[in-house]
Amino acid sequence: MLNDMTYPSMTTPAPKTVEEHRDYLYQIVRLQLFFMHRWLAAHPGEAPVDVLRKRVDIYRKTDANPGGLNPTDIDWNAPAWQALEQALLCAYEGRRQDVAAFEQDGFAVLRASIDARVERYFHDQTHLDRYQCGSLRYDVHDAPCREVMFHIANRISPTSIFAHPLYLPCCFMVLLEHVEANYQAEVIGTHSWLNSNPKWMALFPQEWTDNLGEPSTDVQWHYGYWGQFITARGTFNEKLGDYVRRYGTLRYPPRGSKCAIVNLRRHLIKKYFSAG
């Protein structure tokens, strides 16, 4: 039901097209090639293959990935990926001193494989099936579980999860009920780039801010880092992409935080649902 919520005051943007999705894939892959080159320049002791596999998610955006958006297992030795990987590593060795040339050559290696995956990637929404509470989900397998970590997506795209002030509070109220009733949870938390975003932080009580961890600069492949480059419509966030190209770092580094469920519920009711 949360995913079907509509509000009279909201104007729904047009869904992205396949061509816009292709452009997103082109732009994010090019940015990650740029990032890979800059990262290696700053971390000369790190192996290029490790950066390619662990700090960017280029594999998942190519046709060498036979699985879904986030495959459970990756066979790095599969011939389809090895052909791309070896060509990328060769391009890097030849362009160690020229980030723009590496980006251009690397993208030329990958473009046909990206094109071959565009339609499949565009229509694959199965990863959202795991989100039990609107745009929030939790991974718990055994009860009881005192502290539950949650994850964030956008199940109402092309509308932003921030478009209506009650959408995320409603998602959280459902999440809190789920984890309390099913797992006797007392604390929830997450590690995400959103914890560096003021709009997100405004949802939480002071306890959440007090518990914030240090910003993580140890960039990893997943959306906890790279999700900030996806707009509400699922297109490429050019502003944040330009930030990386200018400064060589992510605008919103991920941070971890947590708070007591009872305190978050009290805060949400008072701020968003209280008539007073």
C-alpha atoms as a PDB file:
ATOM      1  CA  MET A   1       0.000   0.000   0.000  1.00  0.00           C
ATOM      2  CA  LEU A   2       2.815   2.420   0.818  1.00  0.00           C
ATOM      3  CA  ASN A   3       4.121   2.051  -2.713  1.00  0.00           C
ATOM      4  CA  ASP A   4       0.778   3.146  -4.151  1.00  0.00           C
ATOM      5  CA  MET A   5       0.429   6.245  -1.975  1.00  0.00           C
ATOM      6  CA  THR A   6      -0.616   9.334  -3.912  1.00  0.00           C
ATOM      7  CA  TYR A   7      -1.300  12.849  -2.717  1.00  0.00           C
ATOM      8  CA  PRO A   8      -3.448  15.518  -4.420  1.00  0.00           C
ATOM      9  CA  SER A   9      -0.671  18.107  -4.141  1.00  0.00           C
ATOM     10  CA  MET A  10       1.975  15.950  -5.805  1.00  0.00           C
ATOM     11  CA  THR A  11       2.832  16.161  -9.487  1.00  0.00           C
ATOM     12  CA  THR A  12       4.248  12.862 -10.699  1.00  0.00           C
ATOM     13  CA  PRO A  13       7.230  13.301 -13.031  1.00  0.00           C
ATOM     14  CA  ALA A  14       7.344  11.328 -16.266  1.00  0.00           C
ATOM     15  CA  PRO A  15       8.987   7.910 -15.927  1.00  0.00           C
ATOM     16  CA  LYS A  16      12.411   7.628 -17.479  1.00  0.00           C
ATOM     17  CA  THR A  17      12.692   6.153 -20.958  1.00  0.00           C
ATOM     18  CA  VAL A  18      14.930   3.336 -22.140  1.00  0.00           C
ATOM     19  CA  GLU A  19      17.180   5.896 -23.796  1.00  0.00           C
ATOM     20  CA  GLU A  20      17.466   7.855 -20.571  1.00  0.00           C
ATOM     21  CA  HIS A  21      18.349   4.623 -18.840  1.00  0.00           C
ATOM     22  CA  ARG A  22      21.039   3.956 -21.436  1.00  0.00           C
ATOM     23  CA  ASP A  23      22.407   7.431 -20.806  1.00  0.00           C
ATOM     24  CA  TYR A  24      22.464   6.745 -17.041  1.00  0.00           C
ATOM     25  CA  LEU A  25      24.486   3.575 -17.598  1.00  0.00           C
ATOM     26  CA  TYR A  26      26.904   5.385 -19.900  1.00  0.00           C
ATOM     27  CA  GLN A  27      27.372   8.256 -17.466  1.00  0.00           C
ATOM     28  CA  ILE A  28      27.811   6.190 -14.304  1.00  0.00           C
ATOM     29  CA  VAL A  29      30.240   3.789 -15.961  1.00  0.00           C
ATOM     30  CA  ARG A  30      32.297   6.662 -17.332  1.00  0.00           C
ATOM     31  CA  LEU A  31      32.311   8.270 -13.879  1.00  0.00           C
ATOM     32  CA  GLN A  32      33.431   5.027 -12.276  1.00  0.00           C
ATOM     33  CA  LEU A  33      36.249   4.661 -14.789  1.00  0.00           C
ATOM     34  CA  PHE A  34      37.329   8.202 -13.924  1.00  0.00           C
ATOM     35  CA  PHE A  35      37.063   7.378 -10.229  1.00  0.00           C
ATOM     36  CA  MET A  36      39.065   4.165 -10.662  1.00  0.00           C
ATOM     37  CA  HIS A  37      41.930   6.057 -12.288  1.00  0.00           C
ATOM     38  CA  ARG A  38      41.936   8.783  -9.638  1.00  0.00           C
ATOM     39  CA  TRP A  39      41.719   6.257  -6.809  1.00  0.00           C
ATOM     40  CA  LEU A  40      44.700   4.308  -8.114  1.00  0.00           C
ATOM     41  CA  ALA A  41      46.723   7.503  -8.461  1.00  0.00           C
ATOM     42  CA  ALA A  42      46.058   8.212  -4.777  1.00  0.00           C
ATOM     43  CA  HIS A  43      46.536   4.555  -3.697  1.00  0.00           C
ATOM     44  CA  PRO A  44      49.440   3.248  -5.805  1.00  0.00           C
ATOM     45  CA  GLY A  45      49.806   0.112  -3.672  1.00  0.00           C
ATOM     46  CA  GLU A  46      46.322  -1.140  -4.571  1.00  0.00           C
ATOM     47  CA  ALA A  47      45.891  -3.560  -7.466  1.00  0.00           C
ATOM     48  CA  PRO A  48      43.804  -2.197 -10.372  1.00  0.00           C
ATOM     49  CA  VAL A  49      41.826  -5.447 -10.551  1.00  0.00           C
ATOM     50  CA  ASP A  50      40.792  -5.035  -6.907  1.00  0.00           C
ATOM     51  CA  VAL A  51      39.529  -1.506  -7.505  1.00  0.00           C
ATOM     52  CA  LEU A  52      37.586  -2.690 -10.553  1.00  0.00           C
ATOM     53  CA  ARG A  53      35.925  -5.515  -8.633  1.00  0.00           C
ATOM     54  CA  LYS A  54      35.460  -4.004  -5.185  1.00  0.00           C
ATOM     55  CA  ARG A  55      35.173  -0.209  -5.449  1.00  0.00           C
ATOM     56  CA  VAL A  56      33.020   0.240  -8.556  1.00  0.00           C
ATOM     57  CA  ASP A  57      30.146  -1.868  -9.883  1.00  0.00           C
ATOM     58  CA  ILE A  58      30.870  -1.829 -13.592  1.00  0.00           C
ATOM     59  CA  TYR A  59      30.419  -5.608 -13.811  1.00  0.00           C
ATOM     60  CA  ARG A  60      26.755  -5.389 -12.835  1.00  0.00           C
ATOM     61  CA  LYS A  61      26.043  -2.939 -15.618  1.00  0.00           C
ATOM     62  CA  THR A  62      27.384  -5.117 -18.419  1.00  0.00           C
ATOM     63  CA  ASP A  63      25.994  -8.134 -20.226  1.00  0.00           C
ATOM     64  CA  ALA A  64      28.756 -10.204 -18.605  1.00  0.00           C
ATOM     65  CA  ASN A  65      26.430 -10.206 -15.585  1.00  0.00           C
ATOM     66  CA  PRO A  66      23.920 -13.011 -16.255  1.00  0.00           C
ATOM     67  CA  GLY A  67      22.000 -12.278 -13.052  1.00  0.00           C
ATOM     68  CA  GLY A  68      19.855  -9.476 -11.732  1.00  0.00           C
ATOM     69  CA  LEU A  69      20.714  -5.968 -10.671  1.00  0.00           C
ATOM     70  CA  ASN A  70      22.594  -7.218  -7.603  1.00  0.00           C
ATOM     71  CA  PRO A  71      23.603 -10.834  -8.256  1.00  0.00           C
ATOM     72  CA  THR A  72      24.169 -12.971  -5.187  1.00  0.00           C
ATOM     73  CA  ASP A  73      27.283 -14.619  -6.629  1.00  0.00           C
ATOM     74  CA  ILE A  74      29.815 -13.392  -9.174  1.00  0.00           C
ATOM     75  CA  ASP A  75      32.099 -15.636 -11.181  1.00  0.00           C
ATOM     76  CA  TRP A  76      34.993 -13.294 -11.873  1.00  0.00           C
ATOM     77  CA  ASN A  77      36.623 -15.987 -14.022  1.00  0.00           C
ATOM     78  CA  ALA A  78      33.702 -16.303 -16.435  1.00  0.00           C
ATOM     79  CA  PRO A  79      34.941 -15.782 -20.017  1.00  0.00           C
ATOM     80  CA  ALA A  80      32.516 -12.937 -20.772  1.00  0.00           C
ATOM     81  CA  TRP A  81      33.776 -10.878 -17.829  1.00  0.00           C
ATOM     82  CA  GLN A  82      37.430 -11.846 -18.249  1.00  0.00           C
ATOM     83  CA  ALA A  83      37.396 -10.524 -21.818  1.00  0.00           C
ATOM     84  CA  LEU A  84      36.210  -7.132 -20.559  1.00  0.00           C
ATOM     85  CA  GLU A  85      38.365  -7.090 -17.440  1.00  0.00           C
ATOM     86  CA  GLN A  86      41.606  -7.899 -19.220  1.00  0.00           C
ATOM     87  CA  ALA A  87      40.909  -5.262 -21.876  1.00  0.00           C
ATOM     88  CA  LEU A  88      40.191  -2.662 -19.162  1.00  0.00           C
ATOM     89  CA  LEU A  89      43.343  -3.507 -17.244  1.00  0.00           C
ATOM     90  CA  CYS A  90      45.354  -3.279 -20.440  1.00  0.00           C
ATOM     91  CA  ALA A  91      43.785   0.109 -21.189  1.00  0.00           C
ATOM     92  CA  TYR A  92      44.687   1.285 -17.689  1.00  0.00           C
ATOM     93  CA  GLU A  93      48.324   0.190 -18.048  1.00  0.00           C
ATOM     94  CA  GLY A  94      48.575   2.180 -21.249  1.00  0.00           C
ATOM     95  CA  ARG A  95      46.901   5.274 -19.777  1.00  0.00           C
ATOM     96  CA  ARG A  96      48.263   5.506 -16.227  1.00  0.00           C
ATOM     97  CA  GLN A  97      49.135   9.166 -16.695  1.00  0.00           C
ATOM     98  CA  ASP A  98      45.986  10.247 -18.541  1.00  0.00           C
ATOM     99  CA  VAL A  99      42.647   9.897 -16.779  1.00  0.00           C
ATOM    100  CA  ALA A 100      40.606  11.291 -19.678  1.00  0.00           C
ATOM    101  CA  ALA A 101      42.198   8.884 -22.149  1.00  0.00           C
ATOM    102  CA  PHE A 102      41.598   5.930 -19.829  1.00  0.00           C
ATOM    103  CA  GLU A 103      37.962   6.904 -19.407  1.00  0.00           C
ATOM    104  CA  GLN A 104      37.551   7.117 -23.169  1.00  0.00           C
ATOM    105  CA  ASP A 105      39.390   3.869 -23.924  1.00  0.00           C
ATOM    106  CA  GLY A 106      37.737   2.000 -21.065  1.00  0.00           C
ATOM    107  CA  PHE A 107      34.274   3.065 -22.130  1.00  0.00           C
ATOM    108  CA  ALA A 108      35.031   1.927 -25.695  1.00  0.00           C
ATOM    109  CA  VAL A 109      35.816  -1.519 -24.270  1.00  0.00           C
ATOM    110  CA  LEU A 110      32.540  -1.653 -22.340  1.00  0.00           C
ATOM    111  CA  ARG A 111      30.002   0.098 -24.548  1.00  0.00           C
ATOM    112  CA  ALA A 112      28.765  -2.872 -26.570  1.00  0.00           C
ATOM    113  CA  SER A 113      28.313  -4.979 -23.432  1.00  0.00           C
ATOM    114  CA  ILE A 114      26.418  -2.152 -21.714  1.00  0.00           C
ATOM    115  CA  ASP A 115      24.169  -1.767 -24.757  1.00  0.00           C
ATOM    116  CA  ALA A 116      23.438  -5.501 -24.733  1.00  0.00           C
ATOM    117  CA  ARG A 117      22.137  -5.240 -21.162  1.00  0.00           C
ATOM    118  CA  VAL A 118      20.128  -1.997 -21.345  1.00  0.00           C
ATOM    119  CA  GLU A 119      16.687  -3.513 -21.962  1.00  0.00           C
ATOM    120  CA  ARG A 120      17.111  -6.278 -19.363  1.00  0.00           C
ATOM    121  CA  TYR A 121      18.431  -3.848 -16.775  1.00  0.00           C
ATOM    122  CA  PHE A 122      15.676  -1.320 -17.541  1.00  0.00           C
ATOM    123  CA  HIS A 123      12.834  -3.779 -16.958  1.00  0.00           C
ATOM    124  CA  ASP A 124      14.331  -5.619 -13.971  1.00  0.00           C
ATOM    125  CA  GLN A 125      12.602  -4.434 -10.804  1.00  0.00           C
ATOM    126  CA  THR A 126      12.864  -7.708  -8.886  1.00  0.00           C
ATOM    127  CA  HIS A 127      15.315  -6.215  -6.368  1.00  0.00           C
ATOM    128  CA  LEU A 128      12.456  -4.040  -5.087  1.00  0.00           C
ATOM    129  CA  ASP A 129      10.403  -7.103  -4.147  1.00  0.00           C
ATOM    130  CA  ARG A 130      12.543  -7.425  -1.030  1.00  0.00           C
ATOM    131  CA  TYR A 131      11.362  -4.072   0.357  1.00  0.00           C
ATOM    132  CA  GLN A 132       8.688  -4.942   2.912  1.00  0.00           C
ATOM    133  CA  CYS A 133       7.980  -1.408   4.185  1.00  0.00           C
ATOM    134  CA  GLY A 134       7.527   0.890   1.218  1.00  0.00           C
ATOM    135  CA  SER A 135      10.988   2.105   0.321  1.00  0.00           C
ATOM    136  CA  LEU A 136      12.610   0.462   3.361  1.00  0.00           C
ATOM    137  CA  ARG A 137      13.604  -3.138   4.000  1.00  0.00           C
ATOM    138  CA  TYR A 138      15.288  -5.160   6.713  1.00  0.00           C
ATOM    139  CA  ASP A 139      17.294  -8.382   6.625  1.00  0.00           C
ATOM    140  CA  VAL A 140      16.629 -10.523   9.682  1.00  0.00           C
ATOM    141  CA  HIS A 141      16.561 -14.296   9.686  1.00  0.00           C
ATOM    142  CA  ASP A 142      16.459 -15.278  13.345  1.00  0.00           C
ATOM    143  CA  ALA A 143      14.447 -13.961  16.271  1.00  0.00           C
ATOM    144  CA  PRO A 144      15.008 -12.377  18.653  1.00  0.00           C
ATOM    145  CA  CYS A 145      17.246  -9.716  17.146  1.00  0.00           C
ATOM    146  CA  ARG A 146      17.793  -6.666  19.325  1.00  0.00           C
ATOM    147  CA  GLU A 147      19.412  -4.434  16.675  1.00  0.00           C
ATOM    148  CA  VAL A 148      18.123  -4.446  13.094  1.00  0.00           C
ATOM    149  CA  MET A 149      19.844  -2.837  10.110  1.00  0.00           C
ATOM    150  CA  PHE A 150      17.649  -1.471   7.325  1.00  0.00           C
ATOM    151  CA  HIS A 151      18.187  -0.495   3.690  1.00  0.00           C
ATOM    152  CA  ILE A 152      16.704   2.217   1.466  1.00  0.00           C
ATOM    153  CA  ALA A 153      15.496   2.259  -2.145  1.00  0.00           C
ATOM    154  CA  ASN A 154      12.909   4.241  -4.113  1.00  0.00           C
ATOM    155  CA  ARG A 155       9.771   2.240  -4.780  1.00  0.00           C
ATOM    156  CA  ILE A 156       7.788   5.290  -5.887  1.00  0.00           C
ATOM    157  CA  SER A 157      10.115   6.396  -8.688  1.00  0.00           C
ATOM    158  CA  PRO A 158       9.852   8.639 -10.689  1.00  0.00           C
ATOM    159  CA  THR A 159       8.621  10.497  -7.593  1.00  0.00           C
ATOM    160  CA  SER A 160      11.224  11.324  -4.967  1.00  0.00           C
ATOM    161  CA  ILE A 161      10.973   9.620  -1.578  1.00  0.00           C
ATOM    162  CA  PHE A 162      11.201  13.172  -0.170  1.00  0.00           C
ATOM    163  CA  ALA A 163       8.404  14.578  -2.376  1.00  0.00           C
ATOM    164  CA  HIS A 164       5.746  14.300   0.300  1.00  0.00           C
ATOM    165  CA  PRO A 165       6.674  14.887   3.947  1.00  0.00           C
ATOM    166  CA  LEU A 166       4.617  11.915   5.195  1.00  0.00           C
ATOM    167  CA  TYR A 167       5.887   9.203   2.829  1.00  0.00           C
ATOM    168  CA  LEU A 168       9.098   8.231   4.623  1.00  0.00           C
ATOM    169  CA  PRO A 169       7.621   8.697   8.116  1.00  0.00           C
ATOM    170  CA  CYS A 170       4.883   6.229   7.113  1.00  0.00           C
ATOM    171  CA  CYS A 171       7.494   3.798   5.803  1.00  0.00           C
ATOM    172  CA  PHE A 172       9.361   4.040   9.088  1.00  0.00           C
ATOM    173  CA  MET A 173       6.248   3.516  11.198  1.00  0.00           C
ATOM    174  CA  VAL A 174       5.577   0.278   9.306  1.00  0.00           C
ATOM    175  CA  LEU A 175       9.216  -0.785   9.607  1.00  0.00           C
ATOM    176  CA  LEU A 176       9.208  -0.241  13.358  1.00  0.00           C
ATOM    177  CA  GLU A 177       6.029  -2.297  13.769  1.00  0.00           C
ATOM    178  CA  HIS A 178       7.486  -5.138  11.666  1.00  0.00           C
ATOM    179  CA  VAL A 179      10.774  -5.511  13.487  1.00  0.00           C
ATOM    180  CA  GLU A 180       9.293  -5.070  16.949  1.00  0.00           C
ATOM    181  CA  ALA A 181       6.487  -7.570  16.431  1.00  0.00           C
ATOM    182  CA  ASN A 182       8.475 -10.179  14.529  1.00  0.00           C
ATOM    183  CA  TYR A 183      11.958  -9.901  16.028  1.00  0.00           C
ATOM    184  CA  GLN A 184      11.564  -8.106  19.359  1.00  0.00           C
ATOM    185  CA  ALA A 185      13.927  -5.442  18.037  1.00  0.00           C
ATOM    186  CA  GLU A 186      14.793  -2.440  20.176  1.00  0.00           C
ATOM    187  CA  VAL A 187      17.223  -0.547  17.923  1.00  0.00           C
ATOM    188  CA  ILE A 188      17.372   0.177  14.186  1.00  0.00           C
ATOM    189  CA  GLY A 189      20.274   1.523  12.156  1.00  0.00           C
ATOM    190  CA  THR A 190      21.750   1.910   8.701  1.00  0.00           C
ATOM    191  CA  HIS A 191      25.004   2.784   6.942  1.00  0.00           C
ATOM    192  CA  SER A 192      24.325   4.954   3.914  1.00  0.00           C
ATOM    193  CA  TRP A 193      25.288   8.073   1.985  1.00  0.00           C
ATOM    194  CA  LEU A 194      21.896   9.430   3.059  1.00  0.00           C
ATOM    195  CA  ASN A 195      23.291   9.930   6.551  1.00  0.00           C
ATOM    196  CA  SER A 196      25.250  12.827   5.057  1.00  0.00           C
ATOM    197  CA  ASN A 197      22.087  14.298   3.472  1.00  0.00           C
ATOM    198  CA  PRO A 198      20.239  17.007   5.502  1.00  0.00           C
ATOM    199  CA  LYS A 199      16.809  16.010   4.115  1.00  0.00           C
ATOM    200  CA  TRP A 200      17.262  12.498   5.416  1.00  0.00           C
ATOM    201  CA  MET A 201      18.708  13.558   8.749  1.00  0.00           C
ATOM    202  CA  ALA A 202      15.651  15.729   9.444  1.00  0.00           C
ATOM    203  CA  LEU A 203      13.578  12.548   9.847  1.00  0.00           C
ATOM    204  CA  PHE A 204      15.350  11.431  13.000  1.00  0.00           C
ATOM    205  CA  PRO A 205      15.606  12.420  16.665  1.00  0.00           C
ATOM    206  CA  GLN A 206      18.772  13.925  18.136  1.00  0.00           C
ATOM    207  CA  GLU A 207      19.896  10.441  19.183  1.00  0.00           C
ATOM    208  CA  TRP A 208      20.485   9.575  15.511  1.00  0.00           C
ATOM    209  CA  THR A 209      22.791  12.568  15.058  1.00  0.00           C
ATOM    210  CA  ASP A 210      24.577  11.801  18.322  1.00  0.00           C
ATOM    211  CA  ASN A 211      25.290   8.247  17.142  1.00  0.00           C
ATOM    212  CA  LEU A 212      26.628   9.166  13.696  1.00  0.00           C
ATOM    213  CA  GLY A 213      29.859   7.419  12.809  1.00  0.00           C
ATOM    214  CA  GLU A 214      32.704   9.011  10.906  1.00  0.00           C
ATOM    215  CA  PRO A 215      32.235   9.493   7.144  1.00  0.00           C
ATOM    216  CA  SER A 216      33.529   6.466   5.252  1.00  0.00           C
ATOM    217  CA  THR A 217      36.114   7.245   2.580  1.00  0.00           C
ATOM    218  CA  ASP A 218      36.831   3.548   1.948  1.00  0.00           C
ATOM    219  CA  VAL A 219      34.651   3.525  -1.163  1.00  0.00           C
ATOM    220  CA  GLN A 220      32.940   0.210  -1.957  1.00  0.00           C
ATOM    221  CA  TRP A 221      30.998  -0.933  -5.016  1.00  0.00           C
ATOM    222  CA  HIS A 222      27.454  -0.866  -3.592  1.00  0.00           C
ATOM    223  CA  TYR A 223      24.637   1.680  -3.503  1.00  0.00           C
ATOM    224  CA  GLY A 224      25.486   2.737   0.026  1.00  0.00           C
ATOM    225  CA  TYR A 225      28.123   4.767  -1.814  1.00  0.00           C
ATOM    226  CA  TRP A 226      27.010   4.970  -5.462  1.00  0.00           C
ATOM    227  CA  GLY A 227      23.266   5.369  -4.920  1.00  0.00           C
ATOM    228  CA  GLN A 228      23.696   9.135  -4.658  1.00  0.00           C
ATOM    229  CA  PHE A 229      24.289   9.310  -8.413  1.00  0.00           C
ATOM    230  CA  ILE A 230      20.748   8.121  -9.196  1.00  0.00           C
ATOM    231  CA  THR A 231      17.999  10.734  -9.322  1.00  0.00           C
ATOM    232  CA  ALA A 232      14.417  10.064  -8.228  1.00  0.00           C
ATOM    233  CA  ARG A 233      13.586   9.292 -11.878  1.00  0.00           C
ATOM    234  CA  GLY A 234      16.472   6.834 -12.099  1.00  0.00           C
ATOM    235  CA  THR A 235      18.599   9.085 -14.294  1.00  0.00           C
ATOM    236  CA  PHE A 236      22.181  10.204 -13.713  1.00  0.00           C
ATOM    237  CA  ASN A 237      22.761  12.888 -11.082  1.00  0.00           C
ATOM    238  CA  GLU A 238      24.995  15.201 -13.076  1.00  0.00           C
ATOM    239  CA  LYS A 239      25.560  17.632 -10.216  1.00  0.00           C
ATOM    240  CA  LEU A 240      27.036  14.964  -7.956  1.00  0.00           C
ATOM    241  CA  GLY A 241      28.950  13.461 -10.868  1.00  0.00           C
ATOM    242  CA  ASP A 242      30.553  16.838 -11.515  1.00  0.00           C
ATOM    243  CA  TYR A 243      31.494  17.030  -7.834  1.00  0.00           C
ATOM    244  CA  VAL A 244      33.504  13.806  -8.110  1.00  0.00           C
ATOM    245  CA  ARG A 245      35.265  15.042 -11.237  1.00  0.00           C
ATOM    246  CA  ARG A 246      36.142  18.310  -9.569  1.00  0.00           C
ATOM    247  CA  TYR A 247      37.205  17.059  -6.140  1.00  0.00           C
ATOM    248  CA  GLY A 248      37.910  13.356  -6.666  1.00  0.00           C
ATOM    249  CA  THR A 249      35.667  12.371  -3.746  1.00  0.00           C
ATOM    250  CA  LEU A 250      31.993  11.578  -3.157  1.00  0.00           C
ATOM    251  CA  ARG A 251      29.827  14.525  -2.132  1.00  0.00           C
ATOM    252  CA  TYR A 252      27.949  12.429   0.442  1.00  0.00           C
ATOM    253  CA  PRO A 253      30.257   9.895   2.113  1.00  0.00           C
ATOM    254  CA  PRO A 254      28.342   7.097   3.861  1.00  0.00           C
ATOM    255  CA  ARG A 255      28.004   7.171   7.627  1.00  0.00           C
ATOM    256  CA  GLY A 256      26.476   4.731  10.054  1.00  0.00           C
ATOM    257  CA  SER A 257      23.965   5.548  12.758  1.00  0.00           C
ATOM    258  CA  LYS A 258      21.291   3.996  14.938  1.00  0.00           C
ATOM    259  CA  CYS A 259      18.694   4.868  17.537  1.00  0.00           C
ATOM    260  CA  ALA A 260      16.184   3.273  19.859  1.00  0.00           C
ATOM    261  CA  ILE A 261      12.907   2.321  18.192  1.00  0.00           C
ATOM    262  CA  VAL A 262      10.874   3.843  21.001  1.00  0.00           C
ATOM    263  CA  ASN A 263      12.605   7.198  20.533  1.00  0.00           C
ATOM    264  CA  LEU A 264      12.221   7.225  16.737  1.00  0.00           C
ATOM    265  CA  ARG A 265       8.526   6.371  16.983  1.00  0.00           C
ATOM    266  CA  ARG A 266       7.960   9.102  19.566  1.00  0.00           C
ATOM    267  CA  HIS A 267       9.815  11.599  17.358  1.00  0.00           C
ATOM    268  CA  LEU A 268       7.865  10.687  14.203  1.00  0.00           C
ATOM    269  CA  ILE A 269       4.489  10.891  15.941  1.00  0.00           C
ATOM    270  CA  LYS A 270       5.278  14.253  17.478  1.00  0.00           C
ATOM    271  CA  LYS A 271       6.748  15.789  14.307  1.00  0.00           C
ATOM    272  CA  TYR A 272       4.546  14.307  11.579  1.00  0.00           C
ATOM    273  CA  PHE A 273       1.367  12.773  13.007  1.00  0.00           C
ATOM    274  CA  SER A 274       0.415  14.811  16.071  1.00  0.00           C
ATOM    275  CA  ALA A 275      -2.524  17.166  15.672  1.00  0.00           C
ATOM    276  CA  GLY A 276      -0.845  19.483  18.127  1.00  0.00           C
END
